[in-house]
């Protein structure tokens, strides 16, 4: 056991965090048969439903109204007996979704939004977070990234608003992780980014899909040779042309992964297969059909049930993503697979100097502004950016100044930024979640 693993295990043991036990189970379960996986998944579902009926007012009311008892839901296929859970429902019934015995749990609150465009606050018990974290570690391990291996992280940081804890910082130092601020990546800063990557000697890169693509393009344009064993793009839809560029420039496996702030781990890639394998020890993904019915495979919108959040259960949650799910025949693995993901797309944004930065900056900023329900950023010209927001009643001048200040800092002082308050933002005919549209680029977002 390496130093990072040892210190983490000691800290977890002292805090009663079950991560190591879950990691051991996940190392075994990927070798189960499909029947064993389904039996384990359905057993967890039965226990969750029983808990919800006894302890969660929202689900007790729903099941009584539908004349259901816990015994009526014994498998993932039976979830269709329950109504869908929308973002609006979560907002409206947040208190009723909280377990009445929550005082018996160790819980954390998180601000979600990420790239889903609708920030919310979600409460999760410690076990839920542990399952999500260990599924994440296993997914990275499929790409060769071990627990002790240093990694380059190309994300947004905190934009100066939030700070990491001492323990979190200590862990990254022990492992020699390197953080690179995605929204500071420009032509003039790229040589420093390349130098930091080479000096780290890390063979793995994790980051926003658009930022990883931008890093690859800059390396190509500047003829700078950087190589990785694997790159893990996330948080945004990885466009085929982005994937091709990343693979060509970095000469590596490109292994995107899929998750959400509300639920956590949802799908991970493997070098020997296409698509995203669903960690079914932790989640169930149904597929919504045009007639309103759901299936456990096929094309359509995603309906997600997390099996481990007993504090604020999200059962049949419609997260706004879509795609194609299959039972992955012939893969040799016991998981269903997302064969195609039609998820969240963020175009790149232009700064006042003509540089391109990741459009994920919008999601990152609005994660800090819970008074904005959803948003869309439209870059009309290089120096004109419109931000349409659907505000909550609590939206304030302070919130607006924070938004303007953060966008202004990264897009440049010459950029004119206008915020428009609207009551609704239309979903494109494609059904894809599009939060950043850049009309200045040669390849605009396809609606």
Protein backbone atom coordinates (compact mmCIF):
# COMPACT_ATOMS: atom_id res chain seq x y z
CA UNK A 1 0.00 0.00 0.00
CA UNK A 2 1.40 3.39 -1.03
CA UNK A 3 1.62 6.49 1.14
CA UNK A 4 -1.47 8.10 -0.37
CA UNK A 5 -3.56 4.94 0.09
CA UNK A 6 -2.31 4.41 3.63
CA UNK A 7 -2.98 7.94 4.86
CA UNK A 8 -6.40 7.95 3.21
CA UNK A 9 -7.39 4.60 4.73
CA UNK A 10 -6.37 5.78 8.19
CA UNK A 11 -8.37 8.99 7.80
CA UNK A 12 -11.39 7.05 6.52
CA UNK A 13 -11.16 4.56 9.39
CA UNK A 14 -11.04 7.37 11.94
CA UNK A 15 -14.06 9.08 10.33
CA UNK A 16 -16.11 5.91 9.78
CA UNK A 17 -16.05 6.38 5.99
CA UNK A 18 -16.71 3.02 4.25
CA UNK A 19 -14.74 3.70 1.05
CA UNK A 20 -12.24 0.84 1.39
CA UNK A 21 -14.97 -1.76 1.98
CA UNK A 22 -16.90 -0.56 -1.07
CA UNK A 23 -13.74 -0.57 -3.18
CA UNK A 24 -13.13 -4.21 -2.30
CA UNK A 25 -16.70 -5.13 -3.27
CA UNK A 26 -16.43 -3.25 -6.57
CA UNK A 27 -13.20 -5.08 -7.41
CA UNK A 28 -15.14 -8.33 -7.10
CA UNK A 29 -18.49 -7.34 -8.59
CA UNK A 30 -17.14 -6.47 -12.04
CA UNK A 31 -16.44 -10.20 -12.39
CA UNK A 32 -19.96 -11.26 -11.45
CA UNK A 33 -22.43 -12.71 -13.93
CA UNK A 34 -25.23 -10.48 -15.20
CA UNK A 35 -27.67 -12.44 -13.05
CA UNK A 36 -25.59 -11.82 -9.92
CA UNK A 37 -25.34 -8.11 -10.71
CA UNK A 38 -29.09 -7.78 -11.27
CA UNK A 39 -29.83 -9.65 -8.04
CA UNK A 40 -27.52 -7.36 -6.07
CA UNK A 41 -28.96 -4.23 -7.70
CA UNK A 42 -32.55 -5.30 -7.11
CA UNK A 43 -31.82 -6.19 -3.49
CA UNK A 44 -30.49 -2.68 -2.87
CA UNK A 45 -33.53 -1.23 -4.64
CA UNK A 46 -35.92 -3.18 -2.41
CA UNK A 47 -34.19 -1.90 0.73
CA UNK A 48 -34.23 1.68 -0.57
CA UNK A 49 -37.95 1.54 -1.40
CA UNK A 50 -38.76 0.14 2.04
CA UNK A 51 -36.76 2.97 3.65
CA UNK A 52 -38.54 5.57 1.52
CA UNK A 53 -41.98 4.27 2.42
CA UNK A 54 -41.17 4.31 6.13
CA UNK A 55 -39.08 7.49 6.35
CA UNK A 56 -39.51 9.82 3.36
CA UNK A 57 -42.82 11.75 3.36
CA UNK A 58 -42.78 12.47 -0.38
CA UNK A 59 -42.55 8.80 -1.37
CA UNK A 60 -44.99 7.67 1.32
CA UNK A 61 -47.57 10.06 -0.17
CA UNK A 62 -46.78 9.03 -3.75
CA UNK A 63 -47.00 5.30 -3.03
CA UNK A 64 -50.22 5.65 -1.06
CA UNK A 65 -51.74 7.69 -3.88
CA UNK A 66 -50.69 5.04 -6.43
CA UNK A 67 -51.90 2.26 -4.08
CA UNK A 68 -48.40 0.78 -3.90
CA UNK A 69 -46.59 -0.99 -1.09
CA UNK A 70 -42.83 -1.63 -0.90
CA UNK A 71 -43.33 -5.24 -1.90
CA UNK A 72 -44.76 -4.12 -5.25
CA UNK A 73 -41.32 -2.88 -6.36
CA UNK A 74 -38.92 -5.81 -6.39
CA UNK A 75 -36.83 -5.14 -9.46
CA UNK A 76 -35.64 -2.30 -11.68
CA UNK A 77 -38.45 -3.10 -14.12
CA UNK A 78 -40.99 -2.35 -11.36
CA UNK A 79 -39.76 1.24 -11.01
CA UNK A 80 -42.14 2.14 -13.85
CA UNK A 81 -44.97 1.89 -11.31
CA UNK A 82 -43.71 5.11 -9.70
CA UNK A 83 -44.03 8.59 -11.25
CA UNK A 84 -41.06 10.47 -12.66
CA UNK A 85 -39.16 12.94 -10.50
CA UNK A 86 -38.34 16.22 -12.27
CA UNK A 87 -36.02 19.04 -11.28
CA UNK A 88 -39.08 21.19 -10.60
CA UNK A 89 -40.49 18.54 -8.29
CA UNK A 90 -37.21 18.33 -6.38
CA UNK A 91 -37.25 22.10 -5.91
CA UNK A 92 -40.88 22.20 -4.84
CA UNK A 93 -40.78 19.20 -2.49
CA UNK A 94 -37.22 19.31 -1.19
CA UNK A 95 -38.29 19.20 2.47
CA UNK A 96 -40.62 16.24 1.89
CA UNK A 97 -37.82 14.41 0.05
CA UNK A 98 -35.64 14.53 3.16
CA UNK A 99 -35.71 11.40 5.32
CA UNK A 100 -37.38 11.84 8.69
CA UNK A 101 -34.55 9.85 10.33
CA UNK A 102 -31.83 11.97 8.74
CA UNK A 103 -30.53 12.95 12.19
CA UNK A 104 -29.22 9.37 12.45
CA UNK A 105 -27.06 9.82 9.33
CA UNK A 106 -23.80 11.56 8.57
CA UNK A 107 -24.68 13.81 5.64
CA UNK A 108 -23.16 16.41 3.34
CA UNK A 109 -24.79 19.12 1.26
CA UNK A 110 -23.55 19.85 -2.23
CA UNK A 111 -24.27 22.56 -4.77
CA UNK A 112 -25.04 20.92 -8.07
CA UNK A 113 -25.48 22.42 -11.48
CA UNK A 114 -22.22 21.49 -13.09
CA UNK A 115 -23.14 21.41 -16.75
CA UNK A 116 -26.79 20.50 -16.23
CA UNK A 117 -27.68 24.17 -16.18
CA UNK A 118 -30.04 24.10 -13.19
CA UNK A 119 -28.15 24.43 -9.88
CA UNK A 120 -29.70 22.70 -6.88
CA UNK A 121 -28.70 21.77 -3.35
CA UNK A 122 -28.68 18.05 -2.72
CA UNK A 123 -28.23 16.27 0.61
CA UNK A 124 -26.41 12.93 0.57
CA UNK A 125 -25.52 10.47 3.31
CA UNK A 126 -21.88 9.45 3.63
CA UNK A 127 -22.52 6.00 2.15
CA UNK A 128 -23.90 7.58 -1.02
CA UNK A 129 -20.77 9.67 -1.48
CA UNK A 130 -18.55 6.67 -0.79
CA UNK A 131 -20.25 4.53 -3.42
CA UNK A 132 -19.98 7.29 -6.00
CA UNK A 133 -16.31 7.91 -5.20
CA UNK A 134 -15.36 4.25 -5.38
CA UNK A 135 -17.19 3.75 -8.68
CA UNK A 136 -15.20 6.73 -9.96
CA UNK A 137 -11.92 5.19 -8.83
CA UNK A 138 -12.76 1.89 -10.48
CA UNK A 139 -13.66 3.67 -13.71
CA UNK A 140 -10.35 5.52 -13.81
CA UNK A 141 -8.58 2.26 -12.99
CA UNK A 142 -10.05 0.72 -16.14
CA UNK A 143 -7.98 3.29 -18.03
CA UNK A 144 -4.80 2.40 -16.16
CA UNK A 145 -4.93 5.25 -13.62
CA UNK A 146 -4.11 3.70 -10.25
CA UNK A 147 -4.85 5.21 -6.87
CA UNK A 148 -1.22 6.19 -6.28
CA UNK A 149 -0.66 7.60 -9.79
CA UNK A 150 -0.41 11.41 -10.07
CA UNK A 151 -2.79 13.05 -12.48
CA UNK A 152 -3.16 16.40 -14.23
CA UNK A 153 -6.52 18.02 -13.43
CA UNK A 154 -7.78 20.58 -15.96
CA UNK A 155 -10.82 22.02 -14.23
CA UNK A 156 -12.23 25.31 -13.07
CA UNK A 157 -10.99 25.39 -9.52
CA UNK A 158 -13.08 27.59 -7.27
CA UNK A 159 -12.76 30.86 -9.22
CA UNK A 160 -11.53 32.28 -5.92
CA UNK A 161 -14.86 31.62 -4.17
CA UNK A 162 -14.45 28.25 -2.46
CA UNK A 163 -11.30 26.85 -0.90
CA UNK A 164 -10.20 23.23 -0.54
CA UNK A 165 -9.71 21.82 2.92
CA UNK A 166 -6.26 21.21 4.36
CA UNK A 167 -6.83 17.44 4.10
CA UNK A 168 -7.79 17.65 0.42
CA UNK A 169 -4.71 19.73 -0.36
CA UNK A 170 -2.48 17.35 1.62
CA UNK A 171 -3.75 14.38 -0.37
CA UNK A 172 -2.99 15.98 -3.73
CA UNK A 173 0.50 16.93 -2.54
CA UNK A 174 1.28 13.40 -1.37
CA UNK A 175 0.27 12.01 -4.76
CA UNK A 176 1.87 14.94 -6.66
CA UNK A 177 -1.33 15.84 -8.52
CA UNK A 178 -1.13 19.00 -10.62
CA UNK A 179 -4.09 21.35 -10.97
CA UNK A 180 -4.28 23.51 -14.11
CA UNK A 181 -6.99 26.21 -14.20
CA UNK A 182 -9.05 25.46 -17.31
CA UNK A 183 -10.32 29.00 -17.77
CA UNK A 184 -6.81 30.47 -17.68
CA UNK A 185 -5.71 28.40 -20.71
CA UNK A 186 -4.84 30.85 -23.50
CA UNK A 187 -2.23 31.24 -26.22
CA UNK A 188 0.03 33.25 -23.92
CA UNK A 189 -0.30 30.86 -20.95
CA UNK A 190 -0.14 27.60 -22.93
CA UNK A 191 3.71 27.27 -22.75
CA UNK A 192 3.49 27.38 -18.94
CA UNK A 193 0.76 24.72 -19.00
CA UNK A 194 2.93 22.50 -21.22
CA UNK A 195 5.95 22.99 -18.96
CA UNK A 196 3.97 22.10 -15.84
CA UNK A 197 2.65 18.95 -17.51
CA UNK A 198 6.13 17.81 -18.56
CA UNK A 199 7.63 18.57 -15.15
CA UNK A 200 4.91 16.57 -13.42
CA UNK A 201 5.77 13.43 -15.41
CA UNK A 202 2.13 12.43 -15.05
CA UNK A 203 0.79 10.11 -17.72
CA UNK A 204 -2.89 10.91 -17.12
CA UNK A 205 -5.10 13.93 -17.74
CA UNK A 206 -8.61 14.54 -16.37
CA UNK A 207 -10.61 17.61 -17.32
CA UNK A 208 -13.52 19.37 -18.98
CA UNK A 209 -13.97 17.96 -22.48
CA UNK A 210 -13.77 21.38 -24.15
CA UNK A 211 -10.71 22.39 -22.12
CA UNK A 212 -8.88 19.14 -22.94
CA UNK A 213 -9.68 19.71 -26.61
CA UNK A 214 -8.39 23.27 -26.40
CA UNK A 215 -5.17 22.07 -24.76
CA UNK A 216 -4.69 19.53 -27.56
CA UNK A 217 -5.30 22.15 -30.27
CA UNK A 218 -2.81 24.56 -28.70
CA UNK A 219 -0.21 21.79 -28.41
CA UNK A 220 -0.78 20.95 -32.07
CA UNK A 221 -0.58 24.58 -33.23
CA UNK A 222 2.55 25.25 -31.18
CA UNK A 223 4.15 21.95 -32.20
CA UNK A 224 4.61 21.00 -28.56
CA UNK A 225 4.98 17.27 -27.97
CA UNK A 226 2.95 16.08 -24.96
CA UNK A 227 2.01 12.45 -24.47
CA UNK A 228 -0.35 10.70 -22.07
CA UNK A 229 -1.31 7.09 -21.48
CA UNK A 230 -4.96 8.05 -21.08
CA UNK A 231 -7.11 11.18 -21.05
CA UNK A 232 -10.44 11.29 -19.20
CA UNK A 233 -12.70 14.08 -20.55
CA UNK A 234 -15.86 14.77 -18.56
CA UNK A 235 -18.68 17.20 -17.70
CA UNK A 236 -19.58 17.89 -21.34
CA UNK A 237 -20.47 15.97 -24.46
CA UNK A 238 -17.25 14.91 -26.19
CA UNK A 239 -17.73 15.79 -29.85
CA UNK A 240 -16.22 13.32 -32.37
CA UNK A 241 -13.87 15.94 -33.79
CA UNK A 242 -12.66 16.81 -30.28
CA UNK A 243 -11.99 13.14 -29.51
CA UNK A 244 -10.09 12.66 -32.77
CA UNK A 245 -7.87 15.68 -32.09
CA UNK A 246 -7.13 14.65 -28.48
CA UNK A 247 -6.22 11.10 -29.51
CA UNK A 248 -4.03 12.25 -32.39
CA UNK A 249 -2.14 14.97 -30.51
CA UNK A 250 -1.63 13.18 -27.19
CA UNK A 251 -1.35 9.68 -28.73
CA UNK A 252 -3.39 8.13 -25.95
CA UNK A 253 -6.59 6.37 -25.00
CA UNK A 254 -9.50 8.82 -24.79
CA UNK A 255 -11.85 7.57 -22.07
CA UNK A 256 -14.69 9.98 -21.26
CA UNK A 257 -16.76 9.38 -18.16
CA UNK A 258 -20.25 10.47 -17.23
CA UNK A 259 -21.77 11.66 -13.97
CA UNK A 260 -23.98 14.30 -12.40
CA UNK A 261 -23.92 16.35 -9.24
CA UNK A 262 -27.31 15.04 -8.14
CA UNK A 263 -26.40 11.36 -8.39
CA UNK A 264 -22.66 11.00 -8.93
CA UNK A 265 -21.15 8.16 -10.95
CA UNK A 266 -23.17 7.10 -14.00
CA UNK A 267 -20.83 5.65 -16.62
CA UNK A 268 -17.17 4.88 -17.37
CA UNK A 269 -15.23 3.95 -20.50
CA UNK A 270 -12.78 1.12 -21.08
CA UNK A 271 -9.98 0.99 -23.67
CA UNK A 272 -11.30 -2.31 -25.04
CA UNK A 273 -14.92 -1.19 -25.52
CA UNK A 274 -17.03 1.69 -26.75
CA UNK A 275 -19.59 3.61 -24.72
CA UNK A 276 -19.97 3.98 -20.96
CA UNK A 277 -20.49 1.04 -18.60
CA UNK A 278 -23.12 1.83 -15.93
CA UNK A 279 -22.08 1.00 -12.32
CA UNK A 280 -25.27 -0.89 -11.56
CA UNK A 281 -24.19 -1.59 -7.99
CA UNK A 282 -24.94 2.13 -7.46
CA UNK A 283 -27.51 3.32 -10.01
CA UNK A 284 -30.33 2.28 -12.31
CA UNK A 285 -30.84 4.09 -15.63
CA UNK A 286 -34.18 3.77 -17.40
CA UNK A 287 -34.85 5.15 -20.87
CA UNK A 288 -37.90 7.35 -21.41
CA UNK A 289 -39.92 6.61 -24.55
CA UNK A 290 -41.99 9.06 -26.60
CA UNK A 291 -45.23 7.62 -25.24
CA UNK A 292 -44.12 8.32 -21.66
CA UNK A 293 -43.25 4.72 -20.82
CA UNK A 294 -39.75 3.61 -19.79
CA UNK A 295 -37.50 0.67 -20.60
CA UNK A 296 -34.16 -0.53 -19.26
CA UNK A 297 -32.66 -0.31 -22.74
CA UNK A 298 -33.25 1.64 -25.94
CA UNK A 299 -33.16 5.29 -27.08
CA UNK A 300 -34.55 8.20 -25.11
CA UNK A 301 -34.20 10.50 -22.13
CA UNK A 302 -32.48 9.19 -19.02
CA UNK A 303 -34.41 8.42 -15.83
CA UNK A 304 -32.02 7.78 -12.95
CA UNK A 305 -32.40 6.09 -9.59
CA UNK A 306 -29.52 6.19 -7.13
CA UNK A 307 -29.55 3.20 -4.82
CA UNK A 308 -27.49 4.64 -1.97
CA UNK A 309 -28.82 8.08 -1.03
CA UNK A 310 -31.02 7.45 2.00
CA UNK A 311 -30.88 11.08 3.16
CA UNK A 312 -32.60 12.62 0.13
CA UNK A 313 -33.51 9.78 -2.23
CA UNK A 314 -33.85 10.58 -5.92
CA UNK A 315 -35.94 7.83 -7.51
CA UNK A 316 -36.73 8.01 -11.23
CA UNK A 317 -35.03 11.40 -11.55
CA UNK A 318 -35.12 12.98 -15.02
CA UNK A 319 -31.69 14.63 -15.27
CA UNK A 320 -32.09 16.16 -18.75
CA UNK A 321 -29.66 13.88 -20.60
CA UNK A 322 -30.50 11.34 -23.26
CA UNK A 323 -28.91 8.60 -25.31
CA UNK A 324 -29.00 4.89 -26.06
CA UNK A 325 -28.67 2.14 -23.43
CA UNK A 326 -28.13 -1.57 -24.08
CA UNK A 327 -27.43 -4.62 -21.93
CA UNK A 328 -23.96 -4.73 -23.57
CA UNK A 329 -24.12 -8.25 -25.06
CA UNK A 330 -20.75 -9.80 -25.71
CA UNK A 331 -18.80 -7.38 -23.52
CA UNK A 332 -17.94 -9.99 -20.92
CA UNK A 333 -18.97 -7.54 -18.20
CA UNK A 334 -22.12 -7.66 -16.04
CA UNK A 335 -23.06 -4.02 -16.67
CA UNK A 336 -25.51 -2.34 -18.99
CA UNK A 337 -23.87 0.20 -21.26
CA UNK A 338 -24.62 3.69 -22.53
CA UNK A 339 -23.82 3.23 -26.21
CA UNK A 340 -24.48 6.85 -27.11
CA UNK A 341 -24.71 9.92 -24.92
CA UNK A 342 -26.67 12.94 -26.15
CA UNK A 343 -25.82 15.03 -23.15
CA UNK A 344 -24.79 18.54 -22.29
CA UNK A 345 -22.99 20.62 -24.87
CA UNK A 346 -21.04 23.79 -24.23
CA UNK A 347 -19.46 25.64 -27.12
CA UNK A 348 -16.13 27.38 -26.62
CA UNK A 349 -16.19 31.11 -25.86
CA UNK A 350 -14.02 33.85 -27.36
CA UNK A 351 -12.17 36.32 -25.16
CA UNK A 352 -11.63 39.96 -26.15
CA UNK A 353 -8.16 39.02 -27.41
CA UNK A 354 -9.47 36.26 -29.68
CA UNK A 355 -8.47 33.37 -27.41
CA UNK A 356 -10.83 30.43 -26.91
CA UNK A 357 -11.76 29.21 -23.43
CA UNK A 358 -13.95 26.35 -22.27
CA UNK A 359 -17.66 27.07 -22.25
CA UNK A 360 -17.86 25.05 -19.03
CA UNK A 361 -17.03 28.31 -17.28
CA UNK A 362 -20.76 29.11 -17.40
CA UNK A 363 -21.69 26.01 -15.47
CA UNK A 364 -18.88 26.60 -13.02
CA UNK A 365 -19.93 30.18 -12.32
CA UNK A 366 -23.62 29.41 -11.94
CA UNK A 367 -22.85 26.61 -9.49
CA UNK A 368 -22.03 29.49 -7.13
CA UNK A 369 -25.30 31.32 -7.86
CA UNK A 370 -28.17 29.07 -6.68
CA UNK A 371 -30.63 31.93 -7.21
CA UNK A 372 -30.39 31.27 -10.97
CA UNK A 373 -32.55 28.33 -11.99
CA UNK A 374 -31.12 27.89 -15.49
CA UNK A 375 -29.24 29.90 -18.07
CA UNK A 376 -28.04 30.15 -21.65
CA UNK A 377 -24.97 32.07 -22.86
CA UNK A 378 -25.01 33.39 -26.43
CA UNK A 379 -21.91 34.99 -27.93
CA UNK A 380 -23.23 37.19 -30.73
CA UNK A 381 -19.85 38.72 -31.67
CA UNK A 382 -16.38 38.48 -30.19
CA UNK A 383 -17.11 41.43 -27.90
CA UNK A 384 -20.84 40.90 -27.26
CA UNK A 385 -22.13 38.19 -24.93
CA UNK A 386 -25.76 37.82 -23.83
CA UNK A 387 -26.63 35.74 -20.78
CA UNK A 388 -30.26 34.72 -20.44
CA UNK A 389 -31.19 33.61 -16.94
CA UNK A 390 -34.30 32.30 -15.26
CA UNK A 391 -33.95 33.81 -11.78
CA UNK A 392 -35.45 32.70 -8.50
CA UNK A 393 -37.17 35.24 -6.25
CA UNK A 394 -33.97 35.40 -4.18
CA UNK A 395 -31.88 36.65 -7.12
CA UNK A 396 -30.15 39.88 -6.07
CA UNK A 397 -27.93 42.69 -7.30
CA UNK A 398 -25.05 40.99 -5.46
CA UNK A 399 -25.62 37.83 -7.52
CA UNK A 400 -25.69 39.83 -10.75
CA UNK A 401 -22.47 41.65 -9.89
CA UNK A 402 -20.80 38.32 -9.08
CA UNK A 403 -21.82 36.90 -12.47
CA UNK A 404 -20.67 39.99 -14.36
CA UNK A 405 -17.40 40.14 -12.47
CA UNK A 406 -16.44 36.51 -13.04
CA UNK A 407 -17.35 36.50 -16.72
CA UNK A 408 -15.62 39.84 -17.21
CA UNK A 409 -12.44 38.58 -15.57
CA UNK A 410 -12.17 35.64 -17.97
CA UNK A 411 -13.63 37.07 -21.19
CA UNK A 412 -11.74 40.37 -20.91
CA UNK A 413 -12.65 43.94 -20.01
CA UNK A 414 -13.49 44.86 -23.61
CA UNK A 415 -16.26 42.27 -23.78
CA UNK A 416 -19.76 43.68 -23.30
CA UNK A 417 -21.78 41.31 -21.13
CA UNK A 418 -25.55 41.75 -20.88
CA UNK A 419 -27.73 39.75 -18.48
CA UNK A 420 -31.39 39.27 -19.46
CA UNK A 421 -33.95 37.92 -17.02
CA UNK A 422 -36.44 35.61 -18.75
CA UNK A 423 -39.19 33.31 -17.57
CA UNK A 424 -38.27 30.32 -19.72
CA UNK A 425 -35.45 29.01 -21.92
CA UNK A 426 -36.49 26.83 -24.81
CA UNK A 427 -34.94 23.41 -25.33
CA UNK A 428 -33.61 22.98 -28.90
CA UNK A 429 -35.53 20.57 -31.17
CA UNK A 430 -32.68 18.08 -30.79
CA UNK A 431 -33.56 17.76 -27.11
CA UNK A 432 -29.93 18.24 -26.15
CA UNK A 433 -29.01 20.49 -23.23
CA UNK A 434 -27.27 23.47 -24.83
CA UNK A 435 -26.06 26.15 -22.43
CA UNK A 436 -23.41 27.95 -24.47
CA UNK A 437 -23.94 29.00 -28.09
CA UNK A 438 -21.17 30.79 -29.95
CA UNK A 439 -22.30 32.38 -33.21
CA UNK A 440 -18.76 33.50 -34.02
CA UNK A 441 -17.27 30.06 -34.57
CA UNK A 442 -17.16 28.31 -37.91
CA UNK A 443 -18.84 25.23 -36.42
CA UNK A 444 -21.79 26.58 -34.39
CA UNK A 445 -23.94 24.44 -32.17
CA UNK A 446 -26.31 22.32 -34.22
CA UNK A 447 -29.84 22.58 -32.92
